[in-house]
Amino acid sequence: MPKVKALQCALALEISSVTCPGVVLKDKEDIYLSICVFGQYKKTQCVPATFPLVFNARMVFEKVFPEAVDPGDVVTQLECKFFNFLIPDSKTF
């Protein structure tokens, strides 16, 4: 039986802090970032709702591309993908 090769892509994301000059958060409840990469959802710890938002978070997202033969195939597939970074209930800004 021939071996099937696949390529794996890993993204290590480090978020130290988020700032937004001129923006005041109306709601003073703790908030977190919700992040979607490769269809995987992860969220940071809750932090106080005052800028700068200090998360000091590290997340690793991995995806296997079984149909990819070379790294160029992976690049082609990732070029049309979107990655989402959300602060839930952003209407409170």
PDB file of N, CA and C in Angstrom:
ATOM      1  N   MET A   1       0.831  -1.174   0.000  1.00  0.00           N
ATOM      2  CA  MET A   1       0.000   0.000   0.000  1.00  0.00           C
ATOM      3  C   MET A   1       0.883   1.247   0.000  1.00  0.00           C
ATOM      4  N   PRO A   2       0.671   2.167  -0.954  1.00  0.00           N
ATOM      5  CA  PRO A   2       1.505   3.380  -0.976  1.00  0.00           C
ATOM      6  C   PRO A   2       1.151   4.320   0.174  1.00  0.00           C
ATOM      7  N   LYS A   3       2.165   5.020   0.642  1.00  0.00           N
ATOM      8  CA  LYS A   3       1.941   6.004   1.709  1.00  0.00           C
ATOM      9  C   LYS A   3       1.275   7.244   1.121  1.00  0.00           C
ATOM     10  N   VAL A   4       0.306   7.759   1.837  1.00  0.00           N
ATOM     11  CA  VAL A   4      -0.361   8.986   1.423  1.00  0.00           C
ATOM     12  C   VAL A   4       0.295  10.147   2.146  1.00  0.00           C
ATOM     13  N   LYS A   5       0.738  11.132   1.379  1.00  0.00           N
ATOM     14  CA  LYS A   5       1.375  12.299   1.983  1.00  0.00           C
ATOM     15  C   LYS A   5       0.363  13.422   2.107  1.00  0.00           C
ATOM     16  N   ALA A   6       0.530  14.210   3.134  1.00  0.00           N
ATOM     17  CA  ALA A   6      -0.311  15.389   3.350  1.00  0.00           C
ATOM     18  C   ALA A   6       0.571  16.488   3.917  1.00  0.00           C
ATOM     19  N   LEU A   7       0.169  17.699   3.700  1.00  0.00           N
ATOM     20  CA  LEU A   7       0.905  18.832   4.258  1.00  0.00           C
ATOM     21  C   LEU A   7       0.112  19.425   5.409  1.00  0.00           C
ATOM     22  N   GLN A   8       0.843  19.861   6.413  1.00  0.00           N
ATOM     23  CA  GLN A   8       0.216  20.453   7.592  1.00  0.00           C
ATOM     24  C   GLN A   8       0.692  21.899   7.724  1.00  0.00           C
ATOM     25  N   CYS A   9      -0.244  22.767   8.055  1.00  0.00           N
ATOM     26  CA  CYS A   9       0.079  24.177   8.269  1.00  0.00           C
ATOM     27  C   CYS A   9      -0.248  24.506   9.728  1.00  0.00           C
ATOM     28  N   ALA A  10       0.661  25.154  10.395  1.00  0.00           N
ATOM     29  CA  ALA A  10       0.436  25.558  11.787  1.00  0.00           C
ATOM     30  C   ALA A  10       0.637  27.064  11.902  1.00  0.00           C
ATOM     31  N   LEU A  11      -0.246  27.695  12.654  1.00  0.00           N
ATOM     32  CA  LEU A  11      -0.155  29.133  12.901  1.00  0.00           C
ATOM     33  C   LEU A  11      -0.068  29.346  14.401  1.00  0.00           C
ATOM     34  N   ALA A  12       1.027  29.949  14.842  1.00  0.00           N
ATOM     35  CA  ALA A  12       1.177  30.311  16.254  1.00  0.00           C
ATOM     36  C   ALA A  12       0.875  31.803  16.348  1.00  0.00           C
ATOM     37  N   LEU A  13      -0.169  32.133  17.083  1.00  0.00           N
ATOM     38  CA  LEU A  13      -0.636  33.513  17.189  1.00  0.00           C
ATOM     39  C   LEU A  13      -0.379  34.017  18.603  1.00  0.00           C
ATOM     40  N   GLU A  14       0.321  35.125  18.705  1.00  0.00           N
ATOM     41  CA  GLU A  14       0.579  35.746  20.002  1.00  0.00           C
ATOM     42  C   GLU A  14      -0.053  37.134  20.020  1.00  0.00           C
ATOM     43  N   ILE A  15      -0.907  37.366  20.987  1.00  0.00           N
ATOM     44  CA  ILE A  15      -1.572  38.661  21.127  1.00  0.00           C
ATOM     45  C   ILE A  15      -1.158  39.231  22.469  1.00  0.00           C
ATOM     46  N   SER A  16      -0.397  40.311  22.426  1.00  0.00           N
ATOM     47  CA  SER A  16       0.030  40.904  23.695  1.00  0.00           C
ATOM     48  C   SER A  16      -0.989  41.933  24.170  1.00  0.00           C
ATOM     49  N   SER A  17      -1.320  42.885  23.315  1.00  0.00           N
ATOM     50  CA  SER A  17      -2.313  43.888  23.721  1.00  0.00           C
ATOM     51  C   SER A  17      -3.006  44.472  22.497  1.00  0.00           C
ATOM     52  N   VAL A  18      -4.152  45.063  22.742  1.00  0.00           N
ATOM     53  CA  VAL A  18      -4.933  45.703  21.685  1.00  0.00           C
ATOM     54  C   VAL A  18      -5.240  47.117  22.140  1.00  0.00           C
ATOM     55  N   THR A  19      -5.012  48.080  21.263  1.00  0.00           N
ATOM     56  CA  THR A  19      -5.319  49.459  21.572  1.00  0.00           C
ATOM     57  C   THR A  19      -6.138  50.060  20.437  1.00  0.00           C
ATOM     58  N   CYS A  20      -6.912  51.046  20.751  1.00  0.00           N
ATOM     59  CA  CYS A  20      -7.748  51.696  19.751  1.00  0.00           C
ATOM     60  C   CYS A  20      -7.901  53.161  20.162  1.00  0.00           C
ATOM     61  N   PRO A  21      -6.943  54.015  19.758  1.00  0.00           N
ATOM     62  CA  PRO A  21      -6.970  55.423  20.160  1.00  0.00           C
ATOM     63  C   PRO A  21      -8.293  56.107  19.819  1.00  0.00           C
ATOM     64  N   GLY A  22      -8.816  56.842  20.779  1.00  0.00           N
ATOM     65  CA  GLY A  22     -10.038  57.595  20.573  1.00  0.00           C
ATOM     66  C   GLY A  22     -11.317  56.830  20.851  1.00  0.00           C
ATOM     67  N   VAL A  23     -11.213  55.527  21.131  1.00  0.00           N
ATOM     68  CA  VAL A  23     -12.411  54.719  21.384  1.00  0.00           C
ATOM     69  C   VAL A  23     -12.591  54.530  22.880  1.00  0.00           C
ATOM     70  N   VAL A  24     -13.818  54.710  23.330  1.00  0.00           N
ATOM     71  CA  VAL A  24     -14.162  54.485  24.733  1.00  0.00           C
ATOM     72  C   VAL A  24     -15.166  53.348  24.789  1.00  0.00           C
ATOM     73  N   LEU A  25     -14.916  52.377  25.622  1.00  0.00           N
ATOM     74  CA  LEU A  25     -15.839  51.255  25.771  1.00  0.00           C
ATOM     75  C   LEU A  25     -16.966  51.673  26.702  1.00  0.00           C
ATOM     76  N   LYS A  26     -18.200  51.573  26.223  1.00  0.00           N
ATOM     77  CA  LYS A  26     -19.358  51.969  27.022  1.00  0.00           C
ATOM     78  C   LYS A  26     -19.640  50.984  28.145  1.00  0.00           C
ATOM     79  N   ASP A  27     -19.564  49.702  27.810  1.00  0.00           N
ATOM     80  CA  ASP A  27     -19.852  48.659  28.777  1.00  0.00           C
ATOM     81  C   ASP A  27     -18.567  48.330  29.529  1.00  0.00           C
ATOM     82  N   LYS A  28     -18.591  48.329  30.816  1.00  0.00           N
ATOM     83  CA  LYS A  28     -17.370  48.100  31.594  1.00  0.00           C
ATOM     84  C   LYS A  28     -17.206  46.648  32.060  1.00  0.00           C
ATOM     85  N   GLU A  29     -18.019  45.719  31.496  1.00  0.00           N
ATOM     86  CA  GLU A  29     -17.832  44.316  31.844  1.00  0.00           C
ATOM     87  C   GLU A  29     -16.569  43.798  31.164  1.00  0.00           C
ATOM     88  N   ASP A  30     -15.955  42.775  31.756  1.00  0.00           N
ATOM     89  CA  ASP A  30     -14.763  42.181  31.149  1.00  0.00           C
ATOM     90  C   ASP A  30     -15.098  41.669  29.755  1.00  0.00           C
ATOM     91  N   ILE A  31     -14.095  41.709  28.862  1.00  0.00           N
ATOM     92  CA  ILE A  31     -14.293  41.244  27.494  1.00  0.00           C
ATOM     93  C   ILE A  31     -13.174  40.299  27.090  1.00  0.00           C
ATOM     94  N   TYR A  32     -13.381  39.591  25.968  1.00  0.00           N
ATOM     95  CA  TYR A  32     -12.383  38.680  25.441  1.00  0.00           C
ATOM     96  C   TYR A  32     -12.410  38.742  23.924  1.00  0.00           C
ATOM     97  N   LEU A  33     -11.367  38.224  23.294  1.00  0.00           N
ATOM     98  CA  LEU A  33     -11.328  38.112  21.840  1.00  0.00           C
ATOM     99  C   LEU A  33     -11.735  36.702  21.453  1.00  0.00           C
ATOM    100  N   SER A  34     -12.568  36.591  20.449  1.00  0.00           N
ATOM    101  CA  SER A  34     -12.943  35.303  19.878  1.00  0.00           C
ATOM    102  C   SER A  34     -12.272  35.223  18.514  1.00  0.00           C
ATOM    103  N   ILE A  35     -11.497  34.169  18.286  1.00  0.00           N
ATOM    104  CA  ILE A  35     -10.678  34.076  17.086  1.00  0.00           C
ATOM    105  C   ILE A  35     -11.006  32.786  16.344  1.00  0.00           C
ATOM    106  N   CYS A  36     -11.206  32.908  15.023  1.00  0.00           N
ATOM    107  CA  CYS A  36     -11.488  31.746  14.184  1.00  0.00           C
ATOM    108  C   CYS A  36     -10.420  31.659  13.098  1.00  0.00           C
ATOM    109  N   VAL A  37      -9.647  30.585  13.113  1.00  0.00           N
ATOM    110  CA  VAL A  37      -8.622  30.333  12.104  1.00  0.00           C
ATOM    111  C   VAL A  37      -8.741  28.865  11.709  1.00  0.00           C
ATOM    112  N   PHE A  38      -8.706  28.579  10.429  1.00  0.00           N
ATOM    113  CA  PHE A  38      -8.847  27.207   9.906  1.00  0.00           C
ATOM    114  C   PHE A  38     -10.144  26.553  10.375  1.00  0.00           C
ATOM    115  N   GLY A  39     -11.181  27.349  10.642  1.00  0.00           N
ATOM    116  CA  GLY A  39     -12.447  26.789  11.114  1.00  0.00           C
ATOM    117  C   GLY A  39     -12.428  26.383  12.576  1.00  0.00           C
ATOM    118  N   GLN A  40     -11.367  26.720  13.285  1.00  0.00           N
ATOM    119  CA  GLN A  40     -11.241  26.395  14.709  1.00  0.00           C
ATOM    120  C   GLN A  40     -11.454  27.680  15.510  1.00  0.00           C
ATOM    121  N   TYR A  41     -12.301  27.603  16.519  1.00  0.00           N
ATOM    122  CA  TYR A  41     -12.604  28.769  17.349  1.00  0.00           C
ATOM    123  C   TYR A  41     -11.878  28.664  18.684  1.00  0.00           C
ATOM    124  N   LYS A  42     -11.234  29.739  19.059  1.00  0.00           N
ATOM    125  CA  LYS A  42     -10.585  29.827  20.369  1.00  0.00           C
ATOM    126  C   LYS A  42     -10.855  31.218  20.912  1.00  0.00           C
ATOM    127  N   LYS A  43     -10.776  31.367  22.228  1.00  0.00           N
ATOM    128  CA  LYS A  43     -10.961  32.688  22.806  1.00  0.00           C
ATOM    129  C   LYS A  43      -9.925  32.941  23.878  1.00  0.00           C
ATOM    130  N   THR A  44      -9.669  34.219  24.101  1.00  0.00           N
ATOM    131  CA  THR A  44      -8.702  34.630  25.108  1.00  0.00           C
ATOM    132  C   THR A  44      -9.374  34.640  26.482  1.00  0.00           C
ATOM    133  N   GLN A  45      -8.582  34.855  27.501  1.00  0.00           N
ATOM    134  CA  GLN A  45      -9.115  35.064  28.843  1.00  0.00           C
ATOM    135  C   GLN A  45      -9.830  36.417  28.870  1.00  0.00           C
ATOM    136  N   CYS A  46     -10.750  36.575  29.765  1.00  0.00           N
ATOM    137  CA  CYS A  46     -11.427  37.871  29.933  1.00  0.00           C
ATOM    138  C   CYS A  46     -10.469  38.881  30.556  1.00  0.00           C
ATOM    139  N   VAL A  47     -10.567  40.116  30.083  1.00  0.00           N
ATOM    140  CA  VAL A  47      -9.734  41.200  30.620  1.00  0.00           C
ATOM    141  C   VAL A  47     -10.637  42.404  30.884  1.00  0.00           C
ATOM    142  N   PRO A  48     -10.202  43.316  31.754  1.00  0.00           N
ATOM    143  CA  PRO A  48     -10.986  44.529  32.004  1.00  0.00           C
ATOM    144  C   PRO A  48     -11.177  45.332  30.713  1.00  0.00           C
ATOM    145  N   ALA A  49     -12.331  45.962  30.586  1.00  0.00           N
ATOM    146  CA  ALA A  49     -12.691  46.688  29.361  1.00  0.00           C
ATOM    147  C   ALA A  49     -12.128  48.103  29.343  1.00  0.00           C
ATOM    148  N   THR A  50     -10.823  48.224  29.462  1.00  0.00           N
ATOM    149  CA  THR A  50     -10.147  49.514  29.355  1.00  0.00           C
ATOM    150  C   THR A  50      -8.918  49.341  28.457  1.00  0.00           C
ATOM    151  N   PHE A  51      -8.715  50.320  27.578  1.00  0.00           N
ATOM    152  CA  PHE A  51      -7.574  50.248  26.666  1.00  0.00           C
ATOM    153  C   PHE A  51      -6.307  50.695  27.359  1.00  0.00           C
ATOM    154  N   PRO A  52      -5.177  50.067  27.052  1.00  0.00           N
ATOM    155  CA  PRO A  52      -5.034  48.940  26.138  1.00  0.00           C
ATOM    156  C   PRO A  52      -5.558  47.652  26.782  1.00  0.00           C
ATOM    157  N   LEU A  53      -6.153  46.806  25.950  1.00  0.00           N
ATOM    158  CA  LEU A  53      -6.605  45.492  26.411  1.00  0.00           C
ATOM    159  C   LEU A  53      -5.376  44.591  26.429  1.00  0.00           C
ATOM    160  N   VAL A  54      -4.972  44.119  27.586  1.00  0.00           N
ATOM    161  CA  VAL A  54      -3.753  43.319  27.708  1.00  0.00           C
ATOM    162  C   VAL A  54      -4.134  41.849  27.809  1.00  0.00           C
ATOM    163  N   PHE A  55      -3.893  41.094  26.730  1.00  0.00           N
ATOM    164  CA  PHE A  55      -4.273  39.687  26.683  1.00  0.00           C
ATOM    165  C   PHE A  55      -3.111  38.748  26.993  1.00  0.00           C
ATOM    166  N   ASN A  56      -1.929  39.040  26.475  1.00  0.00           N
ATOM    167  CA  ASN A  56      -0.783  38.145  26.622  1.00  0.00           C
ATOM    168  C   ASN A  56      -1.192  36.693  26.374  1.00  0.00           C
ATOM    169  N   ALA A  57      -1.803  36.464  25.216  1.00  0.00           N
ATOM    170  CA  ALA A  57      -2.310  35.138  24.865  1.00  0.00           C
ATOM    171  C   ALA A  57      -1.483  34.527  23.739  1.00  0.00           C
ATOM    172  N   ARG A  58      -1.351  33.206  23.785  1.00  0.00           N
ATOM    173  CA  ARG A  58      -0.678  32.458  22.718  1.00  0.00           C
ATOM    174  C   ARG A  58      -1.594  31.314  22.328  1.00  0.00           C
ATOM    175  N   MET A  59      -1.871  31.216  21.042  1.00  0.00           N
ATOM    176  CA  MET A  59      -2.752  30.169  20.531  1.00  0.00           C
ATOM    177  C   MET A  59      -2.090  29.511  19.328  1.00  0.00           C
ATOM    178  N   VAL A  60      -2.339  28.225  19.178  1.00  0.00           N
ATOM    179  CA  VAL A  60      -1.809  27.501  18.028  1.00  0.00           C
ATOM    180  C   VAL A  60      -2.985  26.880  17.275  1.00  0.00           C
ATOM    181  N   PHE A  61      -3.032  27.143  15.981  1.00  0.00           N
ATOM    182  CA  PHE A  61      -4.050  26.581  15.098  1.00  0.00           C
ATOM    183  C   PHE A  61      -3.332  25.705  14.083  1.00  0.00           C
ATOM    184  N   GLU A  62      -3.854  24.508  13.849  1.00  0.00           N
ATOM    185  CA  GLU A  62      -3.236  23.595  12.892  1.00  0.00           C
ATOM    186  C   GLU A  62      -4.285  23.049  11.941  1.00  0.00           C
ATOM    187  N   LYS A  63      -3.858  22.813  10.709  1.00  0.00           N
ATOM    188  CA  LYS A  63      -4.754  22.220   9.723  1.00  0.00           C
ATOM    189  C   LYS A  63      -3.932  21.332   8.798  1.00  0.00           C
ATOM    190  N   VAL A  64      -4.465  20.156   8.510  1.00  0.00           N
ATOM    191  CA  VAL A  64      -3.835  19.227   7.575  1.00  0.00           C
ATOM    192  C   VAL A  64      -4.515  19.374   6.225  1.00  0.00           C
ATOM    193  N   PHE A  65      -3.724  19.436   5.172  1.00  0.00           N
ATOM    194  CA  PHE A  65      -4.219  19.540   3.811  1.00  0.00           C
ATOM    195  C   PHE A  65      -3.881  18.236   3.080  1.00  0.00           C
ATOM    196  N   PRO A  66      -4.757  17.243   3.181  1.00  0.00           N
ATOM    197  CA  PRO A  66      -4.452  15.931   2.602  1.00  0.00           C
ATOM    198  C   PRO A  66      -4.350  15.937   1.075  1.00  0.00           C
ATOM    199  N   GLU A  67      -5.044  16.866   0.416  1.00  0.00           N
ATOM    200  CA  GLU A  67      -5.030  16.894  -1.048  1.00  0.00           C
ATOM    201  C   GLU A  67      -3.874  17.713  -1.607  1.00  0.00           C
ATOM    202  N   ALA A  68      -3.112  18.386  -0.757  1.00  0.00           N
ATOM    203  CA  ALA A  68      -2.002  19.233  -1.210  1.00  0.00           C
ATOM    204  C   ALA A  68      -0.783  18.368  -1.536  1.00  0.00           C
ATOM    205  N   VAL A  69      -0.170  18.652  -2.691  1.00  0.00           N
ATOM    206  CA  VAL A  69       1.010  17.917  -3.104  1.00  0.00           C
ATOM    207  C   VAL A  69       2.287  18.699  -2.787  1.00  0.00           C
ATOM    208  N   ASP A  70       2.183  20.028  -2.852  1.00  0.00           N
ATOM    209  CA  ASP A  70       3.338  20.864  -2.517  1.00  0.00           C
ATOM    210  C   ASP A  70       2.852  22.116  -1.780  1.00  0.00           C
ATOM    211  N   PRO A  71       3.750  22.868  -1.154  1.00  0.00           N
ATOM    212  CA  PRO A  71       3.348  24.058  -0.385  1.00  0.00           C
ATOM    213  C   PRO A  71       2.565  25.078  -1.197  1.00  0.00           C
ATOM    214  N   GLY A  72       2.790  25.157  -2.492  1.00  0.00           N
ATOM    215  CA  GLY A  72       2.043  26.079  -3.335  1.00  0.00           C
ATOM    216  C   GLY A  72       0.553  25.775  -3.336  1.00  0.00           C
ATOM    217  N   ASP A  73       0.200  24.497  -3.231  1.00  0.00           N
ATOM    218  CA  ASP A  73      -1.213  24.108  -3.141  1.00  0.00           C
ATOM    219  C   ASP A  73      -1.850  24.660  -1.867  1.00  0.00           C
ATOM    220  N   VAL A  74      -1.112  24.615  -0.777  1.00  0.00           N
ATOM    221  CA  VAL A  74      -1.617  25.138   0.496  1.00  0.00           C
ATOM    222  C   VAL A  74      -1.813  26.646   0.384  1.00  0.00           C
ATOM    223  N   VAL A  75      -0.850  27.345  -0.200  1.00  0.00           N
ATOM    224  CA  VAL A  75      -0.949  28.794  -0.375  1.00  0.00           C
ATOM    225  C   VAL A  75      -2.195  29.129  -1.191  1.00  0.00           C
ATOM    226  N   THR A  76      -2.422  28.404  -2.268  1.00  0.00           N
ATOM    227  CA  THR A  76      -3.591  28.645  -3.115  1.00  0.00           C
ATOM    228  C   THR A  76      -4.879  28.489  -2.324  1.00  0.00           C
ATOM    229  N   GLN A  77      -4.947  27.466  -1.484  1.00  0.00           N
ATOM    230  CA  GLN A  77      -6.155  27.240  -0.688  1.00  0.00           C
ATOM    231  C   GLN A  77      -6.345  28.310   0.379  1.00  0.00           C
ATOM    232  N   LEU A  78      -5.256  28.813   0.967  1.00  0.00           N
ATOM    233  CA  LEU A  78      -5.358  29.813   2.027  1.00  0.00           C
ATOM    234  C   LEU A  78      -5.627  31.220   1.494  1.00  0.00           C
ATOM    235  N   GLU A  79      -5.292  31.478   0.230  1.00  0.00           N
ATOM    236  CA  GLU A  79      -5.476  32.822  -0.333  1.00  0.00           C
ATOM    237  C   GLU A  79      -6.936  33.261  -0.331  1.00  0.00           C
ATOM    238  N   CYS A  80      -7.858  32.333  -0.426  1.00  0.00           N
ATOM    239  CA  CYS A  80      -9.270  32.710  -0.500  1.00  0.00           C
ATOM    240  C   CYS A  80      -9.986  32.527   0.839  1.00  0.00           C
ATOM    241  N   LYS A  81      -9.251  32.337   1.906  1.00  0.00           N
ATOM    242  CA  LYS A  81      -9.852  32.147   3.230  1.00  0.00           C
ATOM    243  C   LYS A  81      -9.795  33.435   4.031  1.00  0.00           C
ATOM    244  N   PHE A  82     -10.753  33.566   4.927  1.00  0.00           N
ATOM    245  CA  PHE A  82     -10.788  34.711   5.821  1.00  0.00           C
ATOM    246  C   PHE A  82     -10.560  34.227   7.244  1.00  0.00           C
ATOM    247  N   PHE A  83      -9.919  35.052   8.038  1.00  0.00           N
ATOM    248  CA  PHE A  83      -9.703  34.751   9.446  1.00  0.00           C
ATOM    249  C   PHE A  83     -10.418  35.826  10.246  1.00  0.00           C
ATOM    250  N   ASN A  84     -11.138  35.428  11.270  1.00  0.00           N
ATOM    251  CA  ASN A  84     -11.950  36.376  12.032  1.00  0.00           C
ATOM    252  C   ASN A  84     -11.393  36.595  13.427  1.00  0.00           C
ATOM    253  N   PHE A  85     -11.332  37.852  13.824  1.00  0.00           N
ATOM    254  CA  PHE A  85     -10.956  38.245  15.164  1.00  0.00           C
ATOM    255  C   PHE A  85     -12.084  39.126  15.675  1.00  0.00           C
ATOM    256  N   LEU A  86     -12.823  38.675  16.663  1.00  0.00           N
ATOM    257  CA  LEU A  86     -13.999  39.408  17.116  1.00  0.00           C
ATOM    258  C   LEU A  86     -13.949  39.681  18.605  1.00  0.00           C
ATOM    259  N   ILE A  87     -14.469  40.832  18.982  1.00  0.00           N
ATOM    260  CA  ILE A  87     -14.762  41.101  20.380  1.00  0.00           C
ATOM    261  C   ILE A  87     -16.269  40.930  20.479  1.00  0.00           C
ATOM    262  N   PRO A  88     -16.730  39.892  21.180  1.00  0.00           N
ATOM    263  CA  PRO A  88     -18.176  39.648  21.245  1.00  0.00           C
ATOM    264  C   PRO A  88     -18.954  40.856  21.727  1.00  0.00           C
ATOM    265  N   ASP A  89     -20.155  41.003  21.200  1.00  0.00           N
ATOM    266  CA  ASP A  89     -21.064  42.082  21.566  1.00  0.00           C
ATOM    267  C   ASP A  89     -20.417  43.437  21.278  1.00  0.00           C
ATOM    268  N   SER A  90     -19.828  43.563  20.097  1.00  0.00           N
ATOM    269  CA  SER A  90     -19.108  44.790  19.737  1.00  0.00           C
ATOM    270  C   SER A  90     -20.043  45.993  19.596  1.00  0.00           C
ATOM    271  N   LYS A  91     -21.353  45.798  19.646  1.00  0.00           N
ATOM    272  CA  LYS A  91     -22.276  46.934  19.563  1.00  0.00           C
ATOM    273  C   LYS A  91     -22.163  47.845  20.763  1.00  0.00           C
ATOM    274  N   THR A  92     -21.462  47.401  21.829  1.00  0.00           N
ATOM    275  CA  THR A  92     -21.312  48.220  23.020  1.00  0.00           C
ATOM    276  C   THR A  92     -20.213  49.264  22.881  1.00  0.00           C
ATOM    277  N   PHE A  93     -19.486  49.254  21.751  1.00  0.00           N
ATOM    278  CA  PHE A  93     -18.410  50.234  21.561  1.00  0.00           C
ATOM    279  C   PHE A  93     -18.995  51.590  21.259  1.00  0.00           C
TER     280      PHE A  93
END
